């Protein structure tokens, strides 16, 4: 249940921000997310927010996860920064 909620939230965030992820955040094995790309997420290991997340801009975030076969994957995706009034 939690995995499907996480995937739905990630999909919604990616759909609202655009299509492809930009440049990698330094991880050479990370794949850029593209809209509709199937993700088999059993467990999220880490999420690194975009470096400009606090400035209300779109940036590239990084997620490391394990699939249902136990293999680790990394994906870069676009996310909208925090736009709350301070």
PDB file of N, CA and C in Angstrom:
ATOM      1  N   UNK A   1       0.824  -1.188   0.000  1.00  0.00           N
ATOM      2  CA  UNK A   1       0.000   0.000   0.000  1.00  0.00           C
ATOM      3  C   UNK A   1       0.871   1.255   0.000  1.00  0.00           C
ATOM      4  N   UNK A   2       1.879   1.299   0.898  1.00  0.00           N
ATOM      5  CA  UNK A   2       2.750   2.465   0.974  1.00  0.00           C
ATOM      6  C   UNK A   2       3.548   2.644  -0.310  1.00  0.00           C
ATOM      7  N   UNK A   3       3.945   1.526  -0.945  1.00  0.00           N
ATOM      8  CA  UNK A   3       4.709   1.604  -2.195  1.00  0.00           C
ATOM      9  C   UNK A   3       3.843   2.213  -3.279  1.00  0.00           C
ATOM     10  N   UNK A   4       2.587   1.808  -3.378  1.00  0.00           N
ATOM     11  CA  UNK A   4       1.722   2.356  -4.420  1.00  0.00           C
ATOM     12  C   UNK A   4       1.443   3.837  -4.178  1.00  0.00           C
ATOM     13  N   UNK A   5       1.360   4.257  -2.936  1.00  0.00           N
ATOM     14  CA  UNK A   5       1.180   5.676  -2.621  1.00  0.00           C
ATOM     15  C   UNK A   5       2.422   6.454  -3.010  1.00  0.00           C
ATOM     16  N   UNK A   6       3.605   5.898  -2.712  1.00  0.00           N
ATOM     17  CA  UNK A   6       4.864   6.562  -3.070  1.00  0.00           C
ATOM     18  C   UNK A   6       5.008   6.675  -4.581  1.00  0.00           C
ATOM     19  N   UNK A   7       4.658   5.617  -5.303  1.00  0.00           N
ATOM     20  CA  UNK A   7       4.744   5.646  -6.764  1.00  0.00           C
ATOM     21  C   UNK A   7       3.740   6.642  -7.329  1.00  0.00           C
ATOM     22  N   UNK A   8       2.539   6.684  -6.774  1.00  0.00           N
ATOM     23  CA  UNK A   8       1.535   7.629  -7.244  1.00  0.00           C
ATOM     24  C   UNK A   8       1.970   9.070  -6.986  1.00  0.00           C
ATOM     25  N   UNK A   9       2.541   9.322  -5.817  1.00  0.00           N
ATOM     26  CA  UNK A   9       3.015  10.672  -5.507  1.00  0.00           C
ATOM     27  C   UNK A   9       4.166  11.072  -6.414  1.00  0.00           C
ATOM     28  N   UNK A  10       5.088  10.146  -6.658  1.00  0.00           N
ATOM     29  CA  UNK A  10       6.210  10.430  -7.551  1.00  0.00           C
ATOM     30  C   UNK A  10       5.708  10.692  -8.965  1.00  0.00           C
ATOM     31  N   UNK A  11       4.775   9.880  -9.433  1.00  0.00           N
ATOM     32  CA  UNK A  11       4.225  10.068 -10.771  1.00  0.00           C
ATOM     33  C   UNK A  11       3.507  11.400 -10.902  1.00  0.00           C
ATOM     34  N   UNK A  12       2.738  11.776  -9.893  1.00  0.00           N
ATOM     35  CA  UNK A  12       2.029  13.052  -9.927  1.00  0.00           C
ATOM     36  C   UNK A  12       2.998  14.224  -9.936  1.00  0.00           C
ATOM     37  N   UNK A  13       4.039  14.138  -9.125  1.00  0.00           N
ATOM     38  CA  UNK A  13       5.034  15.208  -9.082  1.00  0.00           C
ATOM     39  C   UNK A  13       5.753  15.331 -10.408  1.00  0.00           C
ATOM     40  N   UNK A  14       6.096  14.207 -10.994  1.00  0.00           N
ATOM     41  CA  UNK A  14       6.804  14.232 -12.279  1.00  0.00           C
ATOM     42  C   UNK A  14       5.897  14.728 -13.402  1.00  0.00           C
ATOM     43  N   UNK A  15       4.636  14.341 -13.371  1.00  0.00           N
ATOM     44  CA  UNK A  15       3.712  14.787 -14.408  1.00  0.00           C
ATOM     45  C   UNK A  15       3.472  16.286 -14.323  1.00  0.00           C
ATOM     46  N   UNK A  16       3.459  16.837 -13.120  1.00  0.00           N
ATOM     47  CA  UNK A  16       3.213  18.264 -12.969  1.00  0.00           C
ATOM     48  C   UNK A  16       4.434  19.104 -13.311  1.00  0.00           C
ATOM     49  N   UNK A  17       5.619  18.519 -13.229  1.00  0.00           N
ATOM     50  CA  UNK A  17       6.860  19.264 -13.473  1.00  0.00           C
ATOM     51  C   UNK A  17       7.335  19.185 -14.909  1.00  0.00           C
ATOM     52  N   UNK A  18       6.905  18.241 -15.656  1.00  0.00           N
ATOM     53  CA  UNK A  18       7.395  18.113 -17.023  1.00  0.00           C
ATOM     54  C   UNK A  18       7.736  16.679 -17.327  1.00  0.00           C
ATOM     55  N   UNK A  19       8.584  16.507 -18.307  1.00  0.00           N
ATOM     56  CA  UNK A  19       8.850  15.156 -18.781  1.00  0.00           C
ATOM     57  C   UNK A  19      10.161  14.593 -18.280  1.00  0.00           C
ATOM     58  N   UNK A  20      11.230  14.942 -18.904  1.00  0.00           N
ATOM     59  CA  UNK A  20      12.497  14.269 -18.632  1.00  0.00           C
ATOM     60  C   UNK A  20      13.290  14.918 -17.524  1.00  0.00           C
ATOM     61  N   UNK A  21      14.092  14.120 -16.877  1.00  0.00           N
ATOM     62  CA  UNK A  21      15.039  14.654 -15.900  1.00  0.00           C
ATOM     63  C   UNK A  21      16.205  15.276 -16.650  1.00  0.00           C
ATOM     64  N   UNK A  22      16.825  16.241 -16.015  1.00  0.00           N
ATOM     65  CA  UNK A  22      17.952  16.913 -16.636  1.00  0.00           C
ATOM     66  C   UNK A  22      19.232  16.145 -16.413  1.00  0.00           C
ATOM     67  N   UNK A  23      20.290  16.839 -16.146  1.00  0.00           N
ATOM     68  CA  UNK A  23      21.584  16.204 -15.964  1.00  0.00           C
ATOM     69  C   UNK A  23      21.614  15.425 -14.665  1.00  0.00           C
ATOM     70  N   UNK A  24      22.487  14.455 -14.623  1.00  0.00           N
ATOM     71  CA  UNK A  24      22.642  13.609 -13.450  1.00  0.00           C
ATOM     72  C   UNK A  24      23.200  14.415 -12.285  1.00  0.00           C
ATOM     73  N   UNK A  25      22.923  13.968 -11.073  1.00  0.00           N
ATOM     74  CA  UNK A  25      23.420  14.655  -9.889  1.00  0.00           C
ATOM     75  C   UNK A  25      24.761  14.099  -9.442  1.00  0.00           C
ATOM     76  N   UNK A  26      25.521  13.527 -10.368  1.00  0.00           N
ATOM     77  CA  UNK A  26      26.828  13.011 -10.025  1.00  0.00           C
ATOM     78  C   UNK A  26      26.889  11.497 -10.018  1.00  0.00           C
ATOM     79  N   UNK A  27      25.776  10.827  -9.964  1.00  0.00           N
ATOM     80  CA  UNK A  27      25.748   9.376  -9.994  1.00  0.00           C
ATOM     81  C   UNK A  27      25.768   8.933 -11.450  1.00  0.00           C
ATOM     82  N   UNK A  28      26.796   8.189 -11.848  1.00  0.00           N
ATOM     83  CA  UNK A  28      26.926   7.799 -13.244  1.00  0.00           C
ATOM     84  C   UNK A  28      25.967   6.689 -13.630  1.00  0.00           C
ATOM     85  N   UNK A  29      25.498   5.895 -12.673  1.00  0.00           N
ATOM     86  CA  UNK A  29      24.618   4.790 -12.990  1.00  0.00           C
ATOM     87  C   UNK A  29      23.138   5.153 -12.875  1.00  0.00           C
ATOM     88  N   UNK A  30      22.828   6.388 -12.552  1.00  0.00           N
ATOM     89  CA  UNK A  30      21.433   6.810 -12.411  1.00  0.00           C
ATOM     90  C   UNK A  30      20.821   7.042 -13.785  1.00  0.00           C
ATOM     91  N   UNK A  31      19.621   6.519 -13.964  1.00  0.00           N
ATOM     92  CA  UNK A  31      18.894   6.725 -15.215  1.00  0.00           C
ATOM     93  C   UNK A  31      17.996   7.941 -15.058  1.00  0.00           C
ATOM     94  N   UNK A  32      17.909   8.773 -16.082  1.00  0.00           N
ATOM     95  CA  UNK A  32      16.953   9.884 -16.018  1.00  0.00           C
ATOM     96  C   UNK A  32      15.535   9.338 -16.198  1.00  0.00           C
ATOM     97  N   UNK A  33      14.628   9.792 -15.353  1.00  0.00           N
ATOM     98  CA  UNK A  33      13.236   9.348 -15.447  1.00  0.00           C
ATOM     99  C   UNK A  33      12.589   9.974 -16.658  1.00  0.00           C
ATOM    100  N   UNK A  34      11.798   9.186 -17.378  1.00  0.00           N
ATOM    101  CA  UNK A  34      10.977   9.720 -18.458  1.00  0.00           C
ATOM    102  C   UNK A  34       9.520   9.346 -18.161  1.00  0.00           C
ATOM    103  N   UNK A  35       8.615  10.198 -18.566  1.00  0.00           N
ATOM    104  CA  UNK A  35       7.194  10.005 -18.266  1.00  0.00           C
ATOM    105  C   UNK A  35       6.729   8.632 -18.755  1.00  0.00           C
ATOM    106  N   UNK A  36       6.101   7.881 -17.887  1.00  0.00           N
ATOM    107  CA  UNK A  36       5.579   6.567 -18.223  1.00  0.00           C
ATOM    108  C   UNK A  36       6.570   5.437 -18.026  1.00  0.00           C
ATOM    109  N   UNK A  37       7.777   5.749 -17.619  1.00  0.00           N
ATOM    110  CA  UNK A  37       8.790   4.725 -17.383  1.00  0.00           C
ATOM    111  C   UNK A  37       8.343   3.830 -16.229  1.00  0.00           C
ATOM    112  N   UNK A  38       8.319   2.508 -16.434  1.00  0.00           N
ATOM    113  CA  UNK A  38       7.879   1.638 -15.344  1.00  0.00           C
ATOM    114  C   UNK A  38       8.916   1.583 -14.230  1.00  0.00           C
ATOM    115  N   UNK A  39       8.467   1.753 -13.011  1.00  0.00           N
ATOM    116  CA  UNK A  39       9.338   1.670 -11.842  1.00  0.00           C
ATOM    117  C   UNK A  39       8.839   0.541 -10.948  1.00  0.00           C
ATOM    118  N   UNK A  40       9.687  -0.420 -10.655  1.00  0.00           N
ATOM    119  CA  UNK A  40       9.362  -1.535  -9.774  1.00  0.00           C
ATOM    120  C   UNK A  40      10.026  -1.253  -8.426  1.00  0.00           C
ATOM    121  N   UNK A  41       9.333  -0.514  -7.578  1.00  0.00           N
ATOM    122  CA  UNK A  41       9.916  -0.075  -6.310  1.00  0.00           C
ATOM    123  C   UNK A  41       9.385  -0.931  -5.172  1.00  0.00           C
ATOM    124  N   UNK A  42      10.282  -1.705  -4.565  1.00  0.00           N
ATOM    125  CA  UNK A  42       9.917  -2.477  -3.381  1.00  0.00           C
ATOM    126  C   UNK A  42      10.270  -1.704  -2.120  1.00  0.00           C
ATOM    127  N   UNK A  43      11.418  -0.991  -2.162  1.00  0.00           N
ATOM    128  CA  UNK A  43      11.858  -0.227  -0.997  1.00  0.00           C
ATOM    129  C   UNK A  43      12.702   0.952  -1.459  1.00  0.00           C
ATOM    130  N   UNK A  44      12.407   2.128  -0.926  1.00  0.00           N
ATOM    131  CA  UNK A  44      13.208   3.314  -1.222  1.00  0.00           C
ATOM    132  C   UNK A  44      14.366   3.359  -0.238  1.00  0.00           C
ATOM    133  N   UNK A  45      15.582   3.449  -0.768  1.00  0.00           N
ATOM    134  CA  UNK A  45      16.785   3.520   0.064  1.00  0.00           C
ATOM    135  C   UNK A  45      17.060   4.964   0.465  1.00  0.00           C
ATOM    136  N   UNK A  46      17.062   5.858  -0.519  1.00  0.00           N
ATOM    137  CA  UNK A  46      17.314   7.270  -0.219  1.00  0.00           C
ATOM    138  C   UNK A  46      16.719   8.166  -1.297  1.00  0.00           C
ATOM    139  N   UNK A  47      16.391   9.373  -0.886  1.00  0.00           N
ATOM    140  CA  UNK A  47      15.942  10.419  -1.808  1.00  0.00           C
ATOM    141  C   UNK A  47      16.751  11.663  -1.482  1.00  0.00           C
ATOM    142  N   UNK A  48      17.406  12.193  -2.500  1.00  0.00           N
ATOM    143  CA  UNK A  48      18.170  13.427  -2.353  1.00  0.00           C
ATOM    144  C   UNK A  48      17.417  14.514  -3.094  1.00  0.00           C
ATOM    145  N   UNK A  49      16.874  15.504  -2.387  1.00  0.00           N
ATOM    146  CA  UNK A  49      16.116  16.546  -3.064  1.00  0.00           C
ATOM    147  C   UNK A  49      17.015  17.401  -3.958  1.00  0.00           C
ATOM    148  N   UNK A  50      16.401  18.116  -4.861  1.00  0.00           N
ATOM    149  CA  UNK A  50      17.132  19.025  -5.735  1.00  0.00           C
ATOM    150  C   UNK A  50      17.847  20.071  -4.894  1.00  0.00           C
ATOM    151  N   UNK A  51      18.995  20.505  -5.352  1.00  0.00           N
ATOM    152  CA  UNK A  51      19.784  21.466  -4.577  1.00  0.00           C
ATOM    153  C   UNK A  51      19.097  22.823  -4.454  1.00  0.00           C
ATOM    154  N   UNK A  52      18.206  23.131  -5.386  1.00  0.00           N
ATOM    155  CA  UNK A  52      17.503  24.414  -5.338  1.00  0.00           C
ATOM    156  C   UNK A  52      16.066  24.239  -4.825  1.00  0.00           C
ATOM    157  N   UNK A  53      15.818  23.196  -4.048  1.00  0.00           N
ATOM    158  CA  UNK A  53      14.463  22.884  -3.602  1.00  0.00           C
ATOM    159  C   UNK A  53      13.860  23.962  -2.708  1.00  0.00           C
ATOM    160  N   UNK A  54      14.682  24.731  -2.028  1.00  0.00           N
ATOM    161  CA  UNK A  54      14.160  25.749  -1.113  1.00  0.00           C
ATOM    162  C   UNK A  54      13.843  27.059  -1.831  1.00  0.00           C
ATOM    163  N   UNK A  55      14.114  27.158  -3.123  1.00  0.00           N
ATOM    164  CA  UNK A  55      13.943  28.421  -3.829  1.00  0.00           C
ATOM    165  C   UNK A  55      12.772  28.430  -4.808  1.00  0.00           C
ATOM    166  N   UNK A  56      11.851  27.521  -4.665  1.00  0.00           N
ATOM    167  CA  UNK A  56      10.651  27.493  -5.501  1.00  0.00           C
ATOM    168  C   UNK A  56      11.003  27.394  -6.987  1.00  0.00           C
ATOM    169  N   UNK A  57      11.924  26.508  -7.309  1.00  0.00           N
ATOM    170  CA  UNK A  57      12.312  26.265  -8.697  1.00  0.00           C
ATOM    171  C   UNK A  57      12.301  24.765  -8.971  1.00  0.00           C
ATOM    172  N   UNK A  58      12.241  24.402 -10.231  1.00  0.00           N
ATOM    173  CA  UNK A  58      12.326  23.003 -10.621  1.00  0.00           C
ATOM    174  C   UNK A  58      13.790  22.600 -10.640  1.00  0.00           C
ATOM    175  N   UNK A  59      14.092  21.458 -10.055  1.00  0.00           N
ATOM    176  CA  UNK A  59      15.460  20.963 -10.025  1.00  0.00           C
ATOM    177  C   UNK A  59      15.481  19.453 -10.161  1.00  0.00           C
ATOM    178  N   UNK A  60      16.673  18.891 -10.240  1.00  0.00           N
ATOM    179  CA  UNK A  60      16.838  17.449 -10.403  1.00  0.00           C
ATOM    180  C   UNK A  60      17.083  16.797  -9.046  1.00  0.00           C
ATOM    181  N   UNK A  61      16.236  15.843  -8.711  1.00  0.00           N
ATOM    182  CA  UNK A  61      16.371  15.073  -7.472  1.00  0.00           C
ATOM    183  C   UNK A  61      16.871  13.675  -7.830  1.00  0.00           C
ATOM    184  N   UNK A  62      17.312  12.934  -6.825  1.00  0.00           N
ATOM    185  CA  UNK A  62      17.898  11.616  -7.040  1.00  0.00           C
ATOM    186  C   UNK A  62      17.271  10.621  -6.060  1.00  0.00           C
ATOM    187  N   UNK A  63      16.880   9.452  -6.569  1.00  0.00           N
ATOM    188  CA  UNK A  63      16.310   8.415  -5.709  1.00  0.00           C
ATOM    189  C   UNK A  63      17.031   7.096  -5.956  1.00  0.00           C
ATOM    190  N   UNK A  64      17.366   6.412  -4.871  1.00  0.00           N
ATOM    191  CA  UNK A  64      17.937   5.065  -4.933  1.00  0.00           C
ATOM    192  C   UNK A  64      16.897   4.133  -4.330  1.00  0.00           C
ATOM    193  N   UNK A  65      16.603   3.035  -5.038  1.00  0.00           N
ATOM    194  CA  UNK A  65      15.585   2.104  -4.565  1.00  0.00           C
ATOM    195  C   UNK A  65      15.973   0.674  -4.901  1.00  0.00           C
ATOM    196  N   UNK A  66      15.273  -0.269  -4.270  1.00  0.00           N
ATOM    197  CA  UNK A  66      15.454  -1.697  -4.513  1.00  0.00           C
ATOM    198  C   UNK A  66      14.174  -2.209  -5.152  1.00  0.00           C
ATOM    199  N   UNK A  67      14.315  -3.006  -6.221  1.00  0.00           N
ATOM    200  CA  UNK A  67      13.131  -3.573  -6.875  1.00  0.00           C
ATOM    201  C   UNK A  67      12.714  -4.874  -6.173  1.00  0.00           C
ATOM    202  N   UNK A  68      11.653  -5.507  -6.669  1.00  0.00           N
ATOM    203  CA  UNK A  68      11.126  -6.716  -6.029  1.00  0.00           C
ATOM    204  C   UNK A  68      12.025  -7.933  -6.218  1.00  0.00           C
ATOM    205  N   UNK A  69      13.034  -7.858  -7.085  1.00  0.00           N
ATOM    206  CA  UNK A  69      14.011  -8.937  -7.245  1.00  0.00           C
ATOM    207  C   UNK A  69      15.249  -8.696  -6.385  1.00  0.00           C
ATOM    208  N   UNK A  70      15.290  -7.574  -5.642  1.00  0.00           N
ATOM    209  CA  UNK A  70      16.401  -7.274  -4.756  1.00  0.00           C
ATOM    210  C   UNK A  70      17.532  -6.489  -5.395  1.00  0.00           C
ATOM    211  N   UNK A  71      17.352  -6.038  -6.635  1.00  0.00           N
ATOM    212  CA  UNK A  71      18.389  -5.259  -7.315  1.00  0.00           C
ATOM    213  C   UNK A  71      18.231  -3.781  -7.009  1.00  0.00           C
ATOM    214  N   UNK A  72      19.360  -3.106  -6.801  1.00  0.00           N
ATOM    215  CA  UNK A  72      19.347  -1.676  -6.491  1.00  0.00           C
ATOM    216  C   UNK A  72      19.398  -0.864  -7.786  1.00  0.00           C
ATOM    217  N   UNK A  73      18.593   0.195  -7.825  1.00  0.00           N
ATOM    218  CA  UNK A  73      18.531   1.082  -8.983  1.00  0.00           C
ATOM    219  C   UNK A  73      18.602   2.526  -8.497  1.00  0.00           C
ATOM    220  N   UNK A  74      19.003   3.412  -9.411  1.00  0.00           N
ATOM    221  CA  UNK A  74      19.020   4.842  -9.120  1.00  0.00           C
ATOM    222  C   UNK A  74      18.357   5.576 -10.276  1.00  0.00           C
ATOM    223  N   UNK A  75      17.585   6.590  -9.946  1.00  0.00           N
ATOM    224  CA  UNK A  75      16.893   7.372 -10.968  1.00  0.00           C
ATOM    225  C   UNK A  75      16.961   8.853 -10.595  1.00  0.00           C
ATOM    226  N   UNK A  76      17.168   9.682 -11.588  1.00  0.00           N
ATOM    227  CA  UNK A  76      17.117  11.130 -11.417  1.00  0.00           C
ATOM    228  C   UNK A  76      15.781  11.611 -11.973  1.00  0.00           C
ATOM    229  N   UNK A  77      15.154  12.549 -11.292  1.00  0.00           N
ATOM    230  CA  UNK A  77      13.861  13.052 -11.736  1.00  0.00           C
ATOM    231  C   UNK A  77      13.748  14.527 -11.392  1.00  0.00           C
ATOM    232  N   UNK A  78      12.840  15.212 -12.064  1.00  0.00           N
ATOM    233  CA  UNK A  78      12.609  16.635 -11.832  1.00  0.00           C
ATOM    234  C   UNK A  78      11.568  16.798 -10.740  1.00  0.00           C
ATOM    235  N   UNK A  79      11.791  17.779  -9.863  1.00  0.00           N
ATOM    236  CA  UNK A  79      10.816  18.074  -8.821  1.00  0.00           C
ATOM    237  C   UNK A  79      10.734  19.577  -8.590  1.00  0.00           C
ATOM    238  N   UNK A  80       9.584  20.003  -8.139  1.00  0.00           N
ATOM    239  CA  UNK A  80       9.351  21.407  -7.835  1.00  0.00           C
ATOM    240  C   UNK A  80       9.832  21.689  -6.418  1.00  0.00           C
ATOM    241  N   UNK A  81      10.510  22.802  -6.232  1.00  0.00           N
ATOM    242  CA  UNK A  81      11.008  23.184  -4.915  1.00  0.00           C
ATOM    243  C   UNK A  81       9.887  23.631  -3.994  1.00  0.00           C
ATOM    244  N   UNK A  82      10.239  23.937  -2.771  1.00  0.00           N
ATOM    245  CA  UNK A  82       9.305  24.392  -1.760  1.00  0.00           C
ATOM    246  C   UNK A  82       8.911  25.835  -2.031  1.00  0.00           C
ATOM    247  N   UNK A  83       7.635  26.069  -2.276  1.00  0.00           N
ATOM    248  CA  UNK A  83       7.166  27.413  -2.620  1.00  0.00           C
ATOM    249  C   UNK A  83       6.364  28.064  -1.511  1.00  0.00           C
ATOM    250  N   UNK A  84       6.516  27.590  -0.285  1.00  0.00           N
ATOM    251  CA  UNK A  84       5.754  28.179   0.810  1.00  0.00           C
ATOM    252  C   UNK A  84       6.292  29.566   1.149  1.00  0.00           C
ATOM    253  N   UNK A  85       5.404  30.415   1.628  1.00  0.00           N
ATOM    254  CA  UNK A  85       5.798  31.761   2.022  1.00  0.00           C
ATOM    255  C   UNK A  85       6.548  31.688   3.344  1.00  0.00           C
ATOM    256  N   UNK A  86       7.642  32.371   3.439  1.00  0.00           N
ATOM    257  CA  UNK A  86       8.460  32.351   4.654  1.00  0.00           C
ATOM    258  C   UNK A  86       8.179  33.564   5.500  1.00  0.00           C
TER     259      UNK A  86
END
